[in-house]
Amino acid sequence: MLKQKVAVVTGGTRGIGYAVVRKFLENGAKTALLGSRQETVDKALEQLKQEGIQGDVIGFAADLNSPEDIAETFTKVKETFGSLDILVNNAGVSARDSIYDYNPEDFKKTIDLNLNAVFICAQAAARIMKEQGGGVIINTSSMVSLYGQPSGSAYPASKFAVNGLTKSLARELGKDNIRVNAVAPGITKTDMVAALPDELIKPLIASIPLKRIGLPEEVANAFLFLASDMSSYVTGEVLSVDGAAMT
């Protein structure tokens, strides 16, 4: 579904991001995965090799909040693979702090990675995509972007903003043949969710009509659809992949 395409996936070393990298490679895309540390990048690349995943893949440790670093990294991807057709803005961090003792610096760090980095990466990718005649940008949102959550307010706030950025960029970049969408996962079997206590997870699962949490591959399927030509007339959408969960 993605033959002859080149993709960049931020936060591609684990969880949903890693599943997206796998799915893209399996569907023919040359893929660059980005992580915060070279150690985790190298580990992800080795894991792909051990799992027998075929395809062209490279990795970079990049500062997603540095426009200069991102522009340089994306240029390297284009120089290596010939283009940059798909950007998945997946890197993010969650939070559970109470408003009563939420450190403003911690709030800012969440916004920096979950929102500001999305803007920086989208801007750098859009500049390349416009020159080459088009492309696709897909942002990772969350089910809590629709409903909020009872603590850690920076996380839903950042994802609400990602939805707004997605819809706005879709309207702005459509004329340049750049589609912009988002995927809003529900509770998914990732390291982030595994770290949550049972007393928090069990009631959430009970509230999901499908009575289970999602798998990273199931979320990756949504990214594949939005990255492919099957969604060629879809832009400005926030696609929920949450088993009809509500919080």
C-alpha atoms as a PDB file:
ATOM      1  CA  MET A   1       0.000   0.000   0.000  1.00  0.00           C
ATOM      2  CA  LEU A   2       2.974   2.347   0.466  1.00  0.00           C
ATOM      3  CA  LYS A   3       5.384   1.229  -2.257  1.00  0.00           C
ATOM      4  CA  GLN A   4       7.744   3.973  -3.435  1.00  0.00           C
ATOM      5  CA  LYS A   5       6.812   6.103  -0.396  1.00  0.00           C
ATOM      6  CA  VAL A   6       9.185   7.488   2.244  1.00  0.00           C
ATOM      7  CA  ALA A   7       7.977   7.911   5.816  1.00  0.00           C
ATOM      8  CA  VAL A   8       9.257   9.464   9.033  1.00  0.00           C
ATOM      9  CA  VAL A   9       7.816   8.271  12.344  1.00  0.00           C
ATOM     10  CA  THR A  10       8.631  10.199  15.513  1.00  0.00           C
ATOM     11  CA  GLY A  11       8.463   8.224  18.733  1.00  0.00           C
ATOM     12  CA  GLY A  12       9.076   5.192  16.549  1.00  0.00           C
ATOM     13  CA  THR A  13      11.136   3.154  18.991  1.00  0.00           C
ATOM     14  CA  ARG A  14       8.304   1.540  20.959  1.00  0.00           C
ATOM     15  CA  GLY A  15       4.561   1.199  21.428  1.00  0.00           C
ATOM     16  CA  ILE A  16       2.263   2.566  18.760  1.00  0.00           C
ATOM     17  CA  GLY A  17       5.128   4.298  16.941  1.00  0.00           C
ATOM     18  CA  TYR A  18       7.082   1.064  16.607  1.00  0.00           C
ATOM     19  CA  ALA A  19       3.955  -0.733  15.378  1.00  0.00           C
ATOM     20  CA  VAL A  20       3.499   1.990  12.743  1.00  0.00           C
ATOM     21  CA  VAL A  21       7.113   1.594  11.604  1.00  0.00           C
ATOM     22  CA  ARG A  22       6.579  -2.159  11.252  1.00  0.00           C
ATOM     23  CA  LYS A  23       3.320  -1.705   9.371  1.00  0.00           C
ATOM     24  CA  PHE A  24       4.829   0.831   6.975  1.00  0.00           C
ATOM     25  CA  LEU A  25       7.844  -1.386   6.239  1.00  0.00           C
ATOM     26  CA  GLU A  26       5.574  -4.383   5.646  1.00  0.00           C
ATOM     27  CA  ASN A  27       3.681  -2.273   3.114  1.00  0.00           C
ATOM     28  CA  GLY A  28       6.729  -1.152   1.160  1.00  0.00           C
ATOM     29  CA  ALA A  29       7.576   2.247   2.613  1.00  0.00           C
ATOM     30  CA  LYS A  30      11.157   3.273   3.171  1.00  0.00           C
ATOM     31  CA  THR A  31      11.026   4.426   6.763  1.00  0.00           C
ATOM     32  CA  ALA A  32      13.012   6.562   9.193  1.00  0.00           C
ATOM     33  CA  LEU A  33      12.230   6.121  12.875  1.00  0.00           C
ATOM     34  CA  LEU A  34      13.062   8.889  15.329  1.00  0.00           C
ATOM     35  CA  GLY A  35      13.710   8.522  19.038  1.00  0.00           C
ATOM     36  CA  SER A  36      14.944  10.706  21.863  1.00  0.00           C
ATOM     37  CA  ARG A  37      18.151   8.704  22.434  1.00  0.00           C
ATOM     38  CA  GLN A  38      20.490   6.881  20.082  1.00  0.00           C
ATOM     39  CA  GLU A  39      20.410   3.894  22.423  1.00  0.00           C
ATOM     40  CA  THR A  40      16.674   3.385  21.996  1.00  0.00           C
ATOM     41  CA  VAL A  41      16.906   4.029  18.252  1.00  0.00           C
ATOM     42  CA  ASP A  42      19.587   1.362  17.844  1.00  0.00           C
ATOM     43  CA  LYS A  43      17.567  -1.045  19.993  1.00  0.00           C
ATOM     44  CA  ALA A  44      14.471  -0.572  17.824  1.00  0.00           C
ATOM     45  CA  LEU A  45      16.441  -1.089  14.623  1.00  0.00           C
ATOM     46  CA  GLU A  46      17.943  -4.286  16.034  1.00  0.00           C
ATOM     47  CA  GLN A  47      14.516  -5.502  17.137  1.00  0.00           C
ATOM     48  CA  LEU A  48      13.141  -5.013  13.630  1.00  0.00           C
ATOM     49  CA  LYS A  49      16.024  -7.077  12.295  1.00  0.00           C
ATOM     50  CA  GLN A  50      15.469  -9.840  14.846  1.00  0.00           C
ATOM     51  CA  GLU A  51      11.759  -9.967  13.979  1.00  0.00           C
ATOM     52  CA  GLY A  52      12.649 -10.469  10.332  1.00  0.00           C
ATOM     53  CA  ILE A  53      10.998  -7.257   9.165  1.00  0.00           C
ATOM     54  CA  GLN A  54      12.170  -6.569   5.617  1.00  0.00           C
ATOM     55  CA  GLY A  55      12.597  -3.130   4.068  1.00  0.00           C
ATOM     56  CA  ASP A  56      14.717  -0.010   4.057  1.00  0.00           C
ATOM     57  CA  VAL A  57      14.838   1.559   7.519  1.00  0.00           C
ATOM     58  CA  ILE A  58      17.110   4.064   9.215  1.00  0.00           C
ATOM     59  CA  GLY A  59      16.985   5.752  12.604  1.00  0.00           C
ATOM     60  CA  PHE A  60      17.909   9.077  14.161  1.00  0.00           C
ATOM     61  CA  ALA A  61      18.050  10.500  17.657  1.00  0.00           C
ATOM     62  CA  ALA A  62      16.587  13.983  17.214  1.00  0.00           C
ATOM     63  CA  ASP A  63      15.496  16.919  19.362  1.00  0.00           C
ATOM     64  CA  LEU A  64      11.884  17.356  18.277  1.00  0.00           C
ATOM     65  CA  ASN A  65      11.735  20.809  19.827  1.00  0.00           C
ATOM     66  CA  SER A  66      14.667  22.086  17.749  1.00  0.00           C
ATOM     67  CA  PRO A  67      13.627  23.427  14.333  1.00  0.00           C
ATOM     68  CA  GLU A  68      17.252  23.297  13.210  1.00  0.00           C
ATOM     69  CA  ASP A  69      17.755  19.690  14.286  1.00  0.00           C
ATOM     70  CA  ILE A  70      14.499  18.550  12.699  1.00  0.00           C
ATOM     71  CA  ALA A  71      15.178  20.380   9.420  1.00  0.00           C
ATOM     72  CA  GLU A  72      18.613  18.748   9.262  1.00  0.00           C
ATOM     73  CA  THR A  73      17.220  15.296  10.088  1.00  0.00           C
ATOM     74  CA  PHE A  74      14.427  15.496   7.520  1.00  0.00           C
ATOM     75  CA  THR A  75      16.927  16.669   4.904  1.00  0.00           C
ATOM     76  CA  LYS A  76      19.063  13.595   5.657  1.00  0.00           C
ATOM     77  CA  VAL A  77      16.011  11.380   5.165  1.00  0.00           C
ATOM     78  CA  LYS A  78      15.277  12.978   1.808  1.00  0.00           C
ATOM     79  CA  GLU A  79      18.910  12.710   0.731  1.00  0.00           C
ATOM     80  CA  THR A  80      18.987   9.032   1.737  1.00  0.00           C
ATOM     81  CA  PHE A  81      15.668   7.883   0.292  1.00  0.00           C
ATOM     82  CA  GLY A  82      14.909  10.555  -2.334  1.00  0.00           C
ATOM     83  CA  SER A  83      11.785  12.137  -0.840  1.00  0.00           C
ATOM     84  CA  LEU A  84       9.686  12.625   2.289  1.00  0.00           C
ATOM     85  CA  ASP A  85       6.116  11.593   1.578  1.00  0.00           C
ATOM     86  CA  ILE A  86       4.662  10.723   4.990  1.00  0.00           C
ATOM     87  CA  LEU A  87       5.220  12.199   8.457  1.00  0.00           C
ATOM     88  CA  VAL A  88       3.781  10.534  11.534  1.00  0.00           C
ATOM     89  CA  ASN A  89       3.970  12.806  14.582  1.00  0.00           C
ATOM     90  CA  ASN A  90       3.689  10.134  17.254  1.00  0.00           C
ATOM     91  CA  ALA A  91       6.151  11.104  20.016  1.00  0.00           C
ATOM     92  CA  GLY A  92       4.421  12.097  23.223  1.00  0.00           C
ATOM     93  CA  VAL A  93       4.301  11.836  26.975  1.00  0.00           C
ATOM     94  CA  SER A  94       1.382  11.277  29.331  1.00  0.00           C
ATOM     95  CA  ALA A  95       0.693  12.776  32.756  1.00  0.00           C
ATOM     96  CA  ARG A  96      -1.427  12.078  35.842  1.00  0.00           C
ATOM     97  CA  ASP A  97      -0.621  15.046  38.095  1.00  0.00           C
ATOM     98  CA  SER A  98      -3.348  16.689  40.159  1.00  0.00           C
ATOM     99  CA  ILE A  99      -4.017  20.363  39.469  1.00  0.00           C
ATOM    100  CA  TYR A 100      -3.352  21.081  43.160  1.00  0.00           C
ATOM    101  CA  ASP A 101       0.318  20.140  42.966  1.00  0.00           C
ATOM    102  CA  TYR A 102       1.043  20.193  39.224  1.00  0.00           C
ATOM    103  CA  ASN A 103       4.509  21.676  38.637  1.00  0.00           C
ATOM    104  CA  PRO A 104       4.186  24.316  35.881  1.00  0.00           C
ATOM    105  CA  GLU A 105       7.502  23.174  34.422  1.00  0.00           C
ATOM    106  CA  ASP A 106       6.175  19.632  34.077  1.00  0.00           C
ATOM    107  CA  PHE A 107       3.031  20.999  32.436  1.00  0.00           C
ATOM    108  CA  LYS A 108       5.200  22.911  29.955  1.00  0.00           C
ATOM    109  CA  LYS A 109       7.335  19.837  29.151  1.00  0.00           C
ATOM    110  CA  THR A 110       4.216  17.898  28.194  1.00  0.00           C
ATOM    111  CA  ILE A 111       2.986  20.713  25.958  1.00  0.00           C
ATOM    112  CA  ASP A 112       6.438  21.069  24.394  1.00  0.00           C
ATOM    113  CA  LEU A 113       6.617  17.445  23.268  1.00  0.00           C
ATOM    114  CA  ASN A 114       2.950  16.708  22.594  1.00  0.00           C
ATOM    115  CA  LEU A 115       2.122  19.950  20.761  1.00  0.00           C
ATOM    116  CA  ASN A 116       5.056  22.223  19.983  1.00  0.00           C
ATOM    117  CA  ALA A 117       7.110  19.357  18.547  1.00  0.00           C
ATOM    118  CA  VAL A 118       4.176  18.392  16.328  1.00  0.00           C
ATOM    119  CA  PHE A 119       4.129  21.915  14.900  1.00  0.00           C
ATOM    120  CA  ILE A 120       7.914  21.989  14.394  1.00  0.00           C
ATOM    121  CA  CYS A 121       7.975  18.629  12.617  1.00  0.00           C
ATOM    122  CA  ALA A 122       4.896  19.412  10.528  1.00  0.00           C
ATOM    123  CA  GLN A 123       6.405  22.714   9.426  1.00  0.00           C
ATOM    124  CA  ALA A 124       9.689  21.113   8.360  1.00  0.00           C
ATOM    125  CA  ALA A 125       7.928  18.277   6.541  1.00  0.00           C
ATOM    126  CA  ALA A 126       5.434  20.583   4.820  1.00  0.00           C
ATOM    127  CA  ARG A 127       8.256  22.673   3.356  1.00  0.00           C
ATOM    128  CA  ILE A 128       9.739  19.566   1.741  1.00  0.00           C
ATOM    129  CA  MET A 129       6.364  18.153   0.692  1.00  0.00           C
ATOM    130  CA  LYS A 130       5.302  21.382  -0.991  1.00  0.00           C
ATOM    131  CA  GLU A 131       8.453  21.386  -3.117  1.00  0.00           C
ATOM    132  CA  GLN A 132       7.897  17.795  -4.226  1.00  0.00           C
ATOM    133  CA  GLY A 133       4.197  18.244  -4.978  1.00  0.00           C
ATOM    134  CA  GLY A 134       2.436  16.838  -1.929  1.00  0.00           C
ATOM    135  CA  GLY A 135       2.493  14.483   1.015  1.00  0.00           C
ATOM    136  CA  VAL A 136       0.716  13.225   4.104  1.00  0.00           C
ATOM    137  CA  ILE A 137       0.996  14.298   7.744  1.00  0.00           C
ATOM    138  CA  ILE A 138      -0.627  12.172  10.453  1.00  0.00           C
ATOM    139  CA  ASN A 139      -0.662  13.249  14.089  1.00  0.00           C
ATOM    140  CA  THR A 140      -1.239  11.026  17.104  1.00  0.00           C
ATOM    141  CA  SER A 141      -4.101  12.380  19.179  1.00  0.00           C
ATOM    142  CA  SER A 142      -5.960  10.515  21.938  1.00  0.00           C
ATOM    143  CA  MET A 143      -9.430   9.569  23.074  1.00  0.00           C
ATOM    144  CA  VAL A 144      -8.984  12.066  25.911  1.00  0.00           C
ATOM    145  CA  SER A 145      -8.776  14.840  23.307  1.00  0.00           C
ATOM    146  CA  LEU A 146     -12.528  14.363  22.970  1.00  0.00           C
ATOM    147  CA  TYR A 147     -13.525  13.782  26.593  1.00  0.00           C
ATOM    148  CA  GLY A 148     -10.723  15.096  28.814  1.00  0.00           C
ATOM    149  CA  GLN A 149      -9.446  13.166  31.819  1.00  0.00           C
ATOM    150  CA  PRO A 150      -9.734  13.718  35.581  1.00  0.00           C
ATOM    151  CA  SER A 151      -6.018  14.447  36.177  1.00  0.00           C
ATOM    152  CA  GLY A 152      -2.837  15.259  34.298  1.00  0.00           C
ATOM    153  CA  SER A 153      -4.576  18.069  32.458  1.00  0.00           C
ATOM    154  CA  ALA A 154      -1.576  18.890  30.242  1.00  0.00           C
ATOM    155  CA  TYR A 155      -2.050  15.653  28.308  1.00  0.00           C
ATOM    156  CA  PRO A 156      -5.665  16.142  27.176  1.00  0.00           C
ATOM    157  CA  ALA A 157      -4.991  19.861  26.704  1.00  0.00           C
ATOM    158  CA  SER A 158      -2.122  19.052  24.342  1.00  0.00           C
ATOM    159  CA  LYS A 159      -4.228  16.535  22.427  1.00  0.00           C
ATOM    160  CA  PHE A 160      -7.185  18.918  22.137  1.00  0.00           C
ATOM    161  CA  ALA A 161      -4.660  21.312  20.582  1.00  0.00           C
ATOM    162  CA  VAL A 162      -3.297  18.622  18.258  1.00  0.00           C
ATOM    163  CA  ASN A 163      -6.829  18.137  16.906  1.00  0.00           C
ATOM    164  CA  GLY A 164      -7.133  21.856  16.248  1.00  0.00           C
ATOM    165  CA  LEU A 165      -3.722  21.987  14.616  1.00  0.00           C
ATOM    166  CA  THR A 166      -4.615  18.990  12.459  1.00  0.00           C
ATOM    167  CA  LYS A 167      -7.831  20.514  11.168  1.00  0.00           C
ATOM    168  CA  SER A 168      -6.242  23.921  10.610  1.00  0.00           C
ATOM    169  CA  LEU A 169      -3.228  22.552   8.736  1.00  0.00           C
ATOM    170  CA  ALA A 170      -5.523  20.414   6.600  1.00  0.00           C
ATOM    171  CA  ARG A 171      -7.340  23.558   5.475  1.00  0.00           C
ATOM    172  CA  GLU A 172      -4.104  25.490   4.969  1.00  0.00           C
ATOM    173  CA  LEU A 173      -2.073  22.816   3.188  1.00  0.00           C
ATOM    174  CA  GLY A 174      -4.770  21.300   0.982  1.00  0.00           C
ATOM    175  CA  LYS A 175      -3.834  23.664  -1.828  1.00  0.00           C
ATOM    176  CA  ASP A 176      -0.326  22.183  -1.757  1.00  0.00           C
ATOM    177  CA  ASN A 177      -1.679  18.616  -2.031  1.00  0.00           C
ATOM    178  CA  ILE A 178      -0.728  17.838   1.567  1.00  0.00           C
ATOM    179  CA  ARG A 179      -3.294  15.890   3.551  1.00  0.00           C
ATOM    180  CA  VAL A 180      -3.306  16.223   7.349  1.00  0.00           C
ATOM    181  CA  ASN A 181      -5.184  13.865   9.644  1.00  0.00           C
ATOM    182  CA  ALA A 182      -4.943  12.471  13.158  1.00  0.00           C
ATOM    183  CA  VAL A 183      -5.497   9.126  14.836  1.00  0.00           C
ATOM    184  CA  ALA A 184      -7.021   9.172  18.326  1.00  0.00           C
ATOM    185  CA  PRO A 185      -6.193   5.858  20.032  1.00  0.00           C
ATOM    186  CA  GLY A 186      -8.056   4.625  23.058  1.00  0.00           C
ATOM    187  CA  ILE A 187      -6.509   2.481  25.765  1.00  0.00           C
ATOM    188  CA  THR A 188      -3.816   0.532  23.938  1.00  0.00           C
ATOM    189  CA  LYS A 189      -1.454  -2.190  25.119  1.00  0.00           C
ATOM    190  CA  THR A 190       1.739  -0.125  25.314  1.00  0.00           C
ATOM    191  CA  ASP A 191       4.469   0.423  27.916  1.00  0.00           C
ATOM    192  CA  MET A 192       2.732   3.641  28.939  1.00  0.00           C
ATOM    193  CA  VAL A 193      -0.490   1.788  29.728  1.00  0.00           C
ATOM    194  CA  ALA A 194       1.355  -1.128  31.328  1.00  0.00           C
ATOM    195  CA  ALA A 195       2.737   1.304  33.899  1.00  0.00           C
ATOM    196  CA  LEU A 196      -0.754   2.253  35.068  1.00  0.00           C
ATOM    197  CA  PRO A 197      -2.118   0.541  38.195  1.00  0.00           C
ATOM    198  CA  ASP A 198      -4.785  -2.183  37.894  1.00  0.00           C
ATOM    199  CA  GLU A 199      -7.272  -0.148  39.898  1.00  0.00           C
ATOM    200  CA  LEU A 200      -7.146   2.458  37.154  1.00  0.00           C
ATOM    201  CA  ILE A 201      -7.116   0.120  34.137  1.00  0.00           C
ATOM    202  CA  LYS A 202      -9.843  -2.388  35.125  1.00  0.00           C
ATOM    203  CA  PRO A 203     -12.674   0.169  35.392  1.00  0.00           C
ATOM    204  CA  LEU A 204     -11.609   1.650  32.066  1.00  0.00           C
ATOM    205  CA  ILE A 205     -11.730  -1.732  30.338  1.00  0.00           C
ATOM    206  CA  ALA A 206     -15.150  -2.373  31.841  1.00  0.00           C
ATOM    207  CA  SER A 207     -16.405   0.837  30.220  1.00  0.00           C
ATOM    208  CA  ILE A 208     -15.282  -0.178  26.714  1.00  0.00           C
ATOM    209  CA  PRO A 209     -18.076  -1.761  24.639  1.00  0.00           C
ATOM    210  CA  LEU A 210     -15.594  -4.211  23.077  1.00  0.00           C
ATOM    211  CA  LYS A 211     -14.475  -5.173  26.629  1.00  0.00           C
ATOM    212  CA  ARG A 212     -10.752  -5.099  25.903  1.00  0.00           C
ATOM    213  CA  ILE A 213      -7.932  -2.705  25.281  1.00  0.00           C
ATOM    214  CA  GLY A 214      -6.599  -2.186  21.777  1.00  0.00           C
ATOM    215  CA  LEU A 215      -3.406  -3.565  20.304  1.00  0.00           C
ATOM    216  CA  PRO A 216      -0.702  -1.338  18.800  1.00  0.00           C
ATOM    217  CA  GLU A 217      -1.098  -3.103  15.448  1.00  0.00           C
ATOM    218  CA  GLU A 218      -4.798  -2.246  15.376  1.00  0.00           C
ATOM    219  CA  VAL A 219      -3.938   1.423  15.806  1.00  0.00           C
ATOM    220  CA  ALA A 220      -1.161   1.127  13.212  1.00  0.00           C
ATOM    221  CA  ASN A 221      -3.749  -0.073  10.688  1.00  0.00           C
ATOM    222  CA  ALA A 222      -5.455   3.319  10.965  1.00  0.00           C
ATOM    223  CA  PHE A 223      -2.169   5.099  10.256  1.00  0.00           C
ATOM    224  CA  LEU A 224      -1.629   2.845   7.241  1.00  0.00           C
ATOM    225  CA  PHE A 225      -5.053   3.727   5.850  1.00  0.00           C
ATOM    226  CA  LEU A 226      -4.511   7.464   6.294  1.00  0.00           C
ATOM    227  CA  ALA A 227      -0.997   7.279   4.822  1.00  0.00           C
ATOM    228  CA  SER A 228      -2.110   5.365   1.749  1.00  0.00           C
ATOM    229  CA  ASP A 229      -3.941   6.402  -1.397  1.00  0.00           C
ATOM    230  CA  MET A 230      -7.029   4.623  -0.049  1.00  0.00           C
ATOM    231  CA  SER A 231      -7.660   7.837   1.917  1.00  0.00           C
ATOM    232  CA  SER A 232      -6.782  10.201  -0.933  1.00  0.00           C
ATOM    233  CA  TYR A 233      -9.883  12.349  -0.288  1.00  0.00           C
ATOM    234  CA  VAL A 234      -9.647  12.290   3.509  1.00  0.00           C
ATOM    235  CA  THR A 235      -8.118  15.280   5.262  1.00  0.00           C
ATOM    236  CA  GLY A 236      -8.802  17.235   8.439  1.00  0.00           C
ATOM    237  CA  GLU A 237     -10.162  14.143  10.212  1.00  0.00           C
ATOM    238  CA  VAL A 238      -9.501  12.782  13.703  1.00  0.00           C
ATOM    239  CA  LEU A 239     -10.012   9.022  13.405  1.00  0.00           C
ATOM    240  CA  SER A 240     -10.920   7.358  16.716  1.00  0.00           C
ATOM    241  CA  VAL A 241      -9.545   3.866  17.289  1.00  0.00           C
ATOM    242  CA  ASP A 242     -10.822   3.224  20.789  1.00  0.00           C
ATOM    243  CA  GLY A 243     -13.436   0.477  20.780  1.00  0.00           C
ATOM    244  CA  ALA A 244     -16.105   3.170  21.335  1.00  0.00           C
ATOM    245  CA  ALA A 245     -14.622   3.922  24.756  1.00  0.00           C
ATOM    246  CA  MET A 246     -15.597   6.992  26.749  1.00  0.00           C
ATOM    247  CA  THR A 247     -14.034   8.355  29.906  1.00  0.00           C
END
